[in-house]
């Protein structure tokens, strides 16, 4: 269990008991250290049942996380870039923070419907009639 709370922004703080960590063997560089020490970190966070997140942030986080979320709504972030268990732990928590910050962003303002300008409508119609003339010229010549 991760004991330290994770501060996301001024309004959202994830309690330490909501985060679960599991350490596994990591592949890649590291020599004999890779075979002996479990340095890779799997960070688990139950998005769906978290009391720390508002419903809008939960829905956005589930959409952003994609395949990293289980059917039960548990997010798993795996970090194994570093040789140090502590550094991988920090990286996993940082990636969770980035995901939740992105999910907490306010929605974009609604699109304001606009009409095309008079000039753009005239140019479009002129271009259409020009293409029509070109295509008519491709036909067989008339017998006068």
N, C-alpha and C. Protein backbone atom coordinates (compact mmCIF):
# COMPACT_ATOMS: atom_id res chain seq x y z
N UNK A 1 0.83 -1.18 0.00
CA UNK A 1 0.00 0.00 0.00
C UNK A 1 0.87 1.25 0.00
N UNK A 2 0.46 2.23 -0.76
CA UNK A 2 1.15 3.50 -0.76
C UNK A 2 0.57 4.35 0.36
N UNK A 3 1.41 4.83 1.25
CA UNK A 3 0.90 5.52 2.44
C UNK A 3 0.77 7.03 2.24
N UNK A 4 1.57 7.62 1.37
CA UNK A 4 1.53 9.07 1.19
C UNK A 4 0.38 9.47 0.29
N UNK A 5 -0.36 10.53 0.67
CA UNK A 5 -1.42 11.02 -0.22
C UNK A 5 -0.81 11.66 -1.47
N UNK A 6 -1.56 11.63 -2.57
CA UNK A 6 -1.09 12.18 -3.83
C UNK A 6 -1.89 13.44 -4.13
N UNK A 7 -1.22 14.59 -4.12
CA UNK A 7 -1.86 15.88 -4.37
C UNK A 7 -1.95 16.07 -5.89
N UNK A 8 -3.18 16.14 -6.43
CA UNK A 8 -3.38 16.32 -7.87
C UNK A 8 -3.45 17.81 -8.20
N UNK A 9 -4.37 18.52 -7.59
CA UNK A 9 -4.45 19.98 -7.71
C UNK A 9 -5.02 20.52 -6.41
N UNK A 10 -5.44 21.79 -6.41
CA UNK A 10 -5.91 22.40 -5.16
C UNK A 10 -7.19 21.75 -4.63
N UNK A 11 -7.99 21.12 -5.51
CA UNK A 11 -9.26 20.54 -5.09
C UNK A 11 -9.23 19.01 -4.97
N UNK A 12 -8.28 18.36 -5.62
CA UNK A 12 -8.28 16.89 -5.65
C UNK A 12 -7.01 16.36 -4.98
N UNK A 13 -7.20 15.53 -3.97
CA UNK A 13 -6.11 14.82 -3.31
C UNK A 13 -6.51 13.36 -3.17
N UNK A 14 -5.66 12.47 -3.64
CA UNK A 14 -5.91 11.03 -3.54
C UNK A 14 -5.29 10.54 -2.23
N UNK A 15 -6.10 9.93 -1.39
CA UNK A 15 -5.61 9.40 -0.12
C UNK A 15 -4.68 8.21 -0.37
N UNK A 16 -3.75 7.99 0.54
CA UNK A 16 -2.78 6.91 0.39
C UNK A 16 -3.43 5.53 0.35
N UNK A 17 -4.53 5.34 1.08
CA UNK A 17 -5.16 4.02 1.12
C UNK A 17 -5.85 3.67 -0.20
N UNK A 18 -6.08 4.66 -1.07
CA UNK A 18 -6.73 4.39 -2.36
C UNK A 18 -5.76 3.84 -3.39
N UNK A 19 -4.46 3.99 -3.15
CA UNK A 19 -3.44 3.54 -4.08
C UNK A 19 -2.84 2.23 -3.60
N UNK A 20 -2.73 1.26 -4.50
CA UNK A 20 -2.09 -0.01 -4.16
C UNK A 20 -0.91 -0.20 -5.10
N UNK A 21 0.21 -0.65 -4.55
CA UNK A 21 1.41 -0.88 -5.36
C UNK A 21 1.83 -2.33 -5.28
N UNK A 22 2.35 -2.80 -6.39
CA UNK A 22 2.88 -4.16 -6.45
C UNK A 22 4.21 -4.06 -7.19
N UNK A 23 5.23 -4.74 -6.67
CA UNK A 23 6.55 -4.69 -7.27
C UNK A 23 6.83 -6.01 -7.97
N UNK A 24 7.28 -5.91 -9.23
CA UNK A 24 7.54 -7.10 -10.04
C UNK A 24 8.92 -6.99 -10.67
N UNK A 25 9.42 -8.12 -11.18
CA UNK A 25 10.70 -8.11 -11.86
C UNK A 25 10.57 -7.35 -13.17
N UNK A 26 11.57 -6.53 -13.46
CA UNK A 26 11.56 -5.74 -14.68
C UNK A 26 12.57 -6.31 -15.67
N UNK A 27 12.27 -6.17 -16.94
CA UNK A 27 13.21 -6.58 -17.97
C UNK A 27 14.11 -5.43 -18.34
N UNK A 28 14.89 -5.60 -19.39
CA UNK A 28 15.73 -4.52 -19.90
C UNK A 28 17.07 -4.45 -19.21
N UNK A 29 17.77 -3.30 -19.37
CA UNK A 29 19.12 -3.17 -18.84
C UNK A 29 19.13 -3.15 -17.31
N UNK A 30 20.25 -3.53 -16.74
CA UNK A 30 20.37 -3.53 -15.30
C UNK A 30 21.25 -4.66 -14.82
N UNK A 31 21.71 -5.48 -15.75
CA UNK A 31 22.61 -6.57 -15.37
C UNK A 31 21.94 -7.58 -14.48
N UNK A 32 22.70 -8.11 -13.52
CA UNK A 32 22.19 -9.13 -12.62
C UNK A 32 21.09 -8.58 -11.71
N UNK A 33 21.11 -7.26 -11.51
CA UNK A 33 20.11 -6.59 -10.67
C UNK A 33 18.69 -6.90 -11.15
N UNK A 34 18.51 -7.01 -12.47
CA UNK A 34 17.19 -7.25 -13.05
C UNK A 34 16.64 -8.61 -12.60
N UNK A 35 17.52 -9.60 -12.49
CA UNK A 35 17.08 -10.95 -12.14
C UNK A 35 16.82 -11.12 -10.64
N UNK A 36 17.36 -10.24 -9.82
CA UNK A 36 17.27 -10.42 -8.38
C UNK A 36 16.26 -9.50 -7.69
N UNK A 37 16.13 -8.27 -8.15
CA UNK A 37 15.35 -7.27 -7.43
C UNK A 37 14.09 -6.91 -8.21
N UNK A 38 12.98 -6.84 -7.51
CA UNK A 38 11.71 -6.44 -8.14
C UNK A 38 11.64 -4.92 -8.16
N UNK A 39 12.08 -4.32 -9.27
CA UNK A 39 12.14 -2.87 -9.35
C UNK A 39 10.95 -2.25 -10.08
N UNK A 40 10.31 -3.00 -10.96
CA UNK A 40 9.16 -2.44 -11.68
C UNK A 40 7.98 -2.28 -10.73
N UNK A 41 7.22 -1.22 -10.93
CA UNK A 41 6.09 -0.91 -10.05
C UNK A 41 4.79 -0.97 -10.85
N UNK A 42 3.81 -1.64 -10.28
CA UNK A 42 2.46 -1.61 -10.82
C UNK A 42 1.61 -0.86 -9.81
N UNK A 43 1.09 0.30 -10.23
CA UNK A 43 0.27 1.14 -9.36
C UNK A 43 -1.19 0.94 -9.73
N UNK A 44 -2.00 0.57 -8.75
CA UNK A 44 -3.43 0.32 -8.97
C UNK A 44 -4.24 1.41 -8.29
N UNK A 45 -5.23 1.94 -9.03
CA UNK A 45 -6.11 2.98 -8.50
C UNK A 45 -7.53 2.70 -8.98
N UNK A 46 -8.44 2.54 -8.02
CA UNK A 46 -9.84 2.25 -8.34
C UNK A 46 -10.56 3.56 -8.66
N UNK A 47 -10.65 3.87 -9.94
CA UNK A 47 -11.26 5.14 -10.36
C UNK A 47 -12.74 5.17 -10.03
N UNK A 48 -13.45 4.10 -10.34
CA UNK A 48 -14.91 4.07 -10.22
C UNK A 48 -15.35 4.28 -8.77
N UNK A 49 -14.68 3.66 -7.81
CA UNK A 49 -15.10 3.72 -6.40
C UNK A 49 -14.33 4.75 -5.57
N UNK A 50 -13.59 5.63 -6.22
CA UNK A 50 -12.80 6.61 -5.48
C UNK A 50 -13.68 7.74 -4.95
N UNK A 51 -13.64 7.99 -3.64
CA UNK A 51 -14.42 9.11 -3.09
C UNK A 51 -13.74 10.46 -3.34
N UNK A 52 -12.49 10.46 -3.80
CA UNK A 52 -11.74 11.70 -3.98
C UNK A 52 -12.05 12.41 -5.29
N UNK A 53 -12.63 11.69 -6.25
CA UNK A 53 -12.83 12.26 -7.58
C UNK A 53 -14.29 12.61 -7.84
N UNK A 54 -14.56 13.77 -8.43
CA UNK A 54 -15.92 14.08 -8.87
C UNK A 54 -16.32 13.18 -10.05
N UNK A 55 -17.62 13.03 -10.28
CA UNK A 55 -18.11 12.13 -11.33
C UNK A 55 -17.59 12.51 -12.71
N UNK A 56 -17.52 13.80 -13.02
CA UNK A 56 -17.04 14.23 -14.34
C UNK A 56 -15.59 13.82 -14.55
N UNK A 57 -14.76 13.98 -13.51
CA UNK A 57 -13.34 13.61 -13.60
C UNK A 57 -13.21 12.08 -13.74
N UNK A 58 -14.05 11.33 -13.03
CA UNK A 58 -14.02 9.86 -13.15
C UNK A 58 -14.31 9.44 -14.58
N UNK A 59 -15.37 10.01 -15.17
CA UNK A 59 -15.75 9.65 -16.54
C UNK A 59 -14.64 10.00 -17.53
N UNK A 60 -14.06 11.19 -17.38
CA UNK A 60 -12.96 11.60 -18.27
C UNK A 60 -11.74 10.71 -18.09
N UNK A 61 -11.42 10.36 -16.85
CA UNK A 61 -10.25 9.52 -16.58
C UNK A 61 -10.43 8.13 -17.18
N UNK A 62 -11.63 7.57 -17.06
CA UNK A 62 -11.88 6.25 -17.65
C UNK A 62 -11.73 6.29 -19.16
N UNK A 63 -12.19 7.39 -19.77
CA UNK A 63 -12.08 7.52 -21.23
C UNK A 63 -10.62 7.70 -21.64
N UNK A 64 -9.86 8.51 -20.90
CA UNK A 64 -8.46 8.77 -21.23
C UNK A 64 -7.58 7.54 -21.00
N UNK A 65 -7.88 6.76 -19.96
CA UNK A 65 -7.03 5.62 -19.61
C UNK A 65 -7.15 4.49 -20.63
N UNK A 66 -8.31 4.34 -21.22
CA UNK A 66 -8.48 3.33 -22.28
C UNK A 66 -8.29 1.92 -21.79
N UNK A 67 -7.32 1.21 -22.39
CA UNK A 67 -7.11 -0.22 -22.11
C UNK A 67 -6.39 -0.47 -20.79
N UNK A 68 -5.91 0.58 -20.15
CA UNK A 68 -5.22 0.39 -18.86
C UNK A 68 -6.20 0.19 -17.71
N UNK A 69 -7.50 0.33 -17.99
CA UNK A 69 -8.53 0.17 -16.96
C UNK A 69 -9.19 -1.19 -17.11
N UNK A 70 -9.37 -1.90 -15.99
CA UNK A 70 -10.04 -3.20 -16.02
C UNK A 70 -11.54 -3.01 -16.12
N UNK A 71 -12.27 -4.11 -16.27
CA UNK A 71 -13.73 -4.05 -16.34
C UNK A 71 -14.33 -3.49 -15.06
N UNK A 72 -13.65 -3.69 -13.94
CA UNK A 72 -14.14 -3.21 -12.64
C UNK A 72 -13.85 -1.73 -12.43
N UNK A 73 -13.09 -1.11 -13.34
CA UNK A 73 -12.77 0.31 -13.21
C UNK A 73 -11.49 0.58 -12.45
N UNK A 74 -10.59 -0.40 -12.39
CA UNK A 74 -9.32 -0.23 -11.68
C UNK A 74 -8.24 0.08 -12.71
N UNK A 75 -7.58 1.21 -12.52
CA UNK A 75 -6.51 1.65 -13.42
C UNK A 75 -5.19 1.03 -12.96
N UNK A 76 -4.40 0.50 -13.93
CA UNK A 76 -3.09 -0.04 -13.60
C UNK A 76 -2.04 0.72 -14.41
N UNK A 77 -1.10 1.32 -13.72
CA UNK A 77 0.01 2.02 -14.37
C UNK A 77 1.28 1.26 -14.01
N UNK A 78 2.02 0.87 -15.04
CA UNK A 78 3.26 0.14 -14.80
C UNK A 78 4.44 1.02 -15.17
N UNK A 79 5.41 1.10 -14.27
CA UNK A 79 6.62 1.89 -14.49
C UNK A 79 7.83 1.01 -14.26
N UNK A 80 8.66 0.88 -15.29
CA UNK A 80 9.86 0.05 -15.15
C UNK A 80 11.05 0.66 -15.87
N UNK A 81 11.01 1.97 -16.10
CA UNK A 81 12.05 2.63 -16.88
C UNK A 81 13.37 2.71 -16.11
N UNK A 82 13.28 2.92 -14.81
CA UNK A 82 14.49 3.13 -14.00
C UNK A 82 14.95 1.82 -13.35
N UNK A 83 16.21 1.80 -12.92
CA UNK A 83 16.73 0.64 -12.19
C UNK A 83 16.35 0.70 -10.72
N UNK A 84 15.91 1.87 -10.27
CA UNK A 84 15.58 2.07 -8.87
C UNK A 84 14.08 1.87 -8.63
N UNK A 85 13.76 1.11 -7.61
CA UNK A 85 12.36 0.88 -7.25
C UNK A 85 11.69 2.19 -6.84
N UNK A 86 12.40 3.00 -6.10
CA UNK A 86 11.85 4.28 -5.62
C UNK A 86 11.57 5.22 -6.79
N UNK A 87 12.48 5.28 -7.77
CA UNK A 87 12.29 6.15 -8.94
C UNK A 87 11.10 5.68 -9.78
N UNK A 88 10.96 4.37 -9.94
CA UNK A 88 9.81 3.83 -10.68
C UNK A 88 8.50 4.14 -9.95
N UNK A 89 8.55 4.10 -8.63
CA UNK A 89 7.38 4.42 -7.82
C UNK A 89 6.95 5.87 -8.04
N UNK A 90 7.92 6.78 -8.03
CA UNK A 90 7.65 8.19 -8.27
C UNK A 90 7.11 8.41 -9.68
N UNK A 91 7.68 7.70 -10.65
CA UNK A 91 7.24 7.85 -12.04
C UNK A 91 5.79 7.39 -12.21
N UNK A 92 5.43 6.29 -11.58
CA UNK A 92 4.05 5.78 -11.68
C UNK A 92 3.07 6.78 -11.06
N UNK A 93 3.43 7.33 -9.91
CA UNK A 93 2.56 8.32 -9.26
C UNK A 93 2.46 9.59 -10.10
N UNK A 94 3.55 9.98 -10.74
CA UNK A 94 3.54 11.17 -11.60
C UNK A 94 2.65 10.94 -12.82
N UNK A 95 2.71 9.76 -13.40
CA UNK A 95 1.86 9.46 -14.56
C UNK A 95 0.38 9.44 -14.18
N UNK A 96 0.06 8.94 -12.99
CA UNK A 96 -1.32 8.98 -12.50
C UNK A 96 -1.77 10.43 -12.32
N UNK A 97 -0.89 11.24 -11.77
CA UNK A 97 -1.21 12.65 -11.56
C UNK A 97 -1.47 13.35 -12.89
N UNK A 98 -0.64 13.10 -13.90
CA UNK A 98 -0.82 13.71 -15.22
C UNK A 98 -2.16 13.30 -15.84
N UNK A 99 -2.50 12.01 -15.71
CA UNK A 99 -3.77 11.52 -16.26
C UNK A 99 -4.95 12.21 -15.58
N UNK A 100 -4.91 12.34 -14.26
CA UNK A 100 -6.02 12.95 -13.54
C UNK A 100 -6.09 14.46 -13.76
N UNK A 101 -4.94 15.10 -13.96
CA UNK A 101 -4.95 16.53 -14.29
C UNK A 101 -5.60 16.76 -15.65
N UNK A 102 -5.29 15.89 -16.61
CA UNK A 102 -5.90 15.99 -17.93
C UNK A 102 -7.41 15.75 -17.84
N UNK A 103 -7.82 14.80 -17.00
CA UNK A 103 -9.24 14.49 -16.84
C UNK A 103 -9.98 15.62 -16.12
N UNK A 104 -9.27 16.39 -15.29
CA UNK A 104 -9.91 17.44 -14.51
C UNK A 104 -10.02 18.76 -15.26
N UNK A 105 -9.43 18.84 -16.46
CA UNK A 105 -9.52 20.08 -17.22
C UNK A 105 -10.97 20.40 -17.53
N UNK A 106 -11.33 21.68 -17.54
CA UNK A 106 -12.72 22.03 -17.85
C UNK A 106 -13.05 21.71 -19.30
N UNK A 107 -14.32 21.44 -19.58
CA UNK A 107 -14.68 21.12 -20.96
C UNK A 107 -14.49 22.34 -21.87
N UNK A 108 -14.21 22.12 -23.15
CA UNK A 108 -14.03 23.27 -24.04
C UNK A 108 -15.35 24.03 -24.20
N UNK A 109 -15.27 25.32 -24.50
CA UNK A 109 -16.51 26.08 -24.66
C UNK A 109 -17.30 25.54 -25.85
N UNK A 110 -18.63 25.64 -25.79
CA UNK A 110 -19.42 25.10 -26.90
C UNK A 110 -19.15 25.88 -28.18
N UNK A 111 -19.24 25.18 -29.29
CA UNK A 111 -18.97 25.79 -30.59
C UNK A 111 -20.11 26.74 -30.94
N UNK A 112 -19.73 27.90 -31.43
CA UNK A 112 -20.71 28.90 -31.82
C UNK A 112 -20.96 28.75 -33.32
N UNK A 113 -22.21 28.47 -33.70
CA UNK A 113 -22.53 28.28 -35.11
C UNK A 113 -22.42 29.62 -35.84
N UNK A 114 -21.77 29.60 -37.00
CA UNK A 114 -21.61 30.81 -37.80
C UNK A 114 -22.08 30.54 -39.22
N UNK A 115 -22.40 31.63 -39.93
CA UNK A 115 -22.80 31.51 -41.33
C UNK A 115 -21.60 31.88 -42.19
N UNK A 116 -21.52 31.29 -43.39
CA UNK A 116 -20.42 31.69 -44.28
C UNK A 116 -20.65 33.14 -44.75
N UNK A 117 -19.55 33.82 -45.02
CA UNK A 117 -19.65 35.21 -45.47
C UNK A 117 -20.23 35.26 -46.88
N UNK A 118 -20.76 36.41 -47.24
CA UNK A 118 -21.35 36.59 -48.57
C UNK A 118 -20.29 36.35 -49.66
N UNK A 119 -19.10 36.88 -49.44
CA UNK A 119 -18.03 36.70 -50.42
C UNK A 119 -17.66 35.24 -50.62
N UNK A 120 -17.60 34.46 -49.51
CA UNK A 120 -17.22 33.06 -49.64
C UNK A 120 -18.30 32.27 -50.37
N UNK A 121 -19.58 32.61 -50.16
CA UNK A 121 -20.67 31.94 -50.87
C UNK A 121 -20.57 32.25 -52.36
N UNK A 122 -20.32 33.51 -52.72
CA UNK A 122 -20.19 33.89 -54.13
C UNK A 122 -19.01 33.19 -54.78
N UNK A 123 -17.88 33.11 -54.10
CA UNK A 123 -16.70 32.43 -54.66
C UNK A 123 -16.98 30.95 -54.88
N UNK A 124 -17.67 30.32 -53.92
CA UNK A 124 -17.99 28.90 -54.06
C UNK A 124 -18.90 28.67 -55.27
N UNK A 125 -19.93 29.49 -55.43
CA UNK A 125 -20.85 29.32 -56.55
C UNK A 125 -20.17 29.60 -57.88
N UNK A 126 -19.26 30.59 -57.91
CA UNK A 126 -18.52 30.90 -59.13
C UNK A 126 -17.64 29.72 -59.52
N UNK A 127 -16.98 29.12 -58.52
CA UNK A 127 -16.12 27.95 -58.76
C UNK A 127 -16.94 26.78 -59.28
N UNK A 128 -18.13 26.57 -58.70
CA UNK A 128 -19.00 25.47 -59.15
C UNK A 128 -19.41 25.66 -60.61
N UNK A 129 -19.81 26.89 -60.96
CA UNK A 129 -20.24 27.11 -62.34
C UNK A 129 -19.06 26.98 -63.30
N UNK A 130 -17.87 27.37 -62.87
CA UNK A 130 -16.67 27.20 -63.70
C UNK A 130 -16.38 25.73 -63.95
N UNK A 131 -16.51 24.89 -62.90
CA UNK A 131 -16.28 23.45 -63.07
C UNK A 131 -17.34 22.85 -64.00
N UNK A 132 -18.57 23.37 -63.91
CA UNK A 132 -19.66 22.88 -64.76
C UNK A 132 -19.33 23.14 -66.23
N UNK A 133 -18.82 24.33 -66.53
CA UNK A 133 -18.45 24.67 -67.92
C UNK A 133 -17.35 23.74 -68.40
N UNK A 134 -16.34 23.50 -67.59
CA UNK A 134 -15.23 22.62 -67.97
C UNK A 134 -15.75 21.22 -68.29
N UNK A 135 -16.67 20.71 -67.47
CA UNK A 135 -17.18 19.36 -67.69
C UNK A 135 -18.07 19.30 -68.93
N UNK A 136 -18.82 20.36 -69.21
CA UNK A 136 -19.64 20.39 -70.43
C UNK A 136 -18.78 20.37 -71.67
N UNK A 137 -17.60 20.98 -71.60
CA UNK A 137 -16.69 21.04 -72.75
C UNK A 137 -16.10 19.66 -73.06
N UNK A 138 -16.15 18.73 -72.09
CA UNK A 138 -15.58 17.40 -72.31
C UNK A 138 -16.49 16.53 -73.17
N UNK A 139 -17.75 16.94 -73.34
CA UNK A 139 -18.70 16.14 -74.10
C UNK A 139 -18.42 16.16 -75.60
N UNK A 140 -19.22 15.43 -76.37
CA UNK A 140 -19.05 15.45 -77.82
C UNK A 140 -19.45 16.80 -78.40
N UNK A 141 -18.77 17.21 -79.42
CA UNK A 141 -19.10 18.51 -80.01
C UNK A 141 -20.48 18.45 -80.68
N UNK A 142 -21.21 19.56 -80.60
CA UNK A 142 -22.52 19.63 -81.20
C UNK A 142 -22.43 19.76 -82.72
N UNK A 143 -23.39 19.24 -83.48
CA UNK A 143 -23.35 19.27 -84.96
C UNK A 143 -24.05 20.49 -85.52
N UNK A 144 -23.37 21.62 -85.66
CA UNK A 144 -23.96 22.82 -86.26
C UNK A 144 -23.55 22.95 -87.71
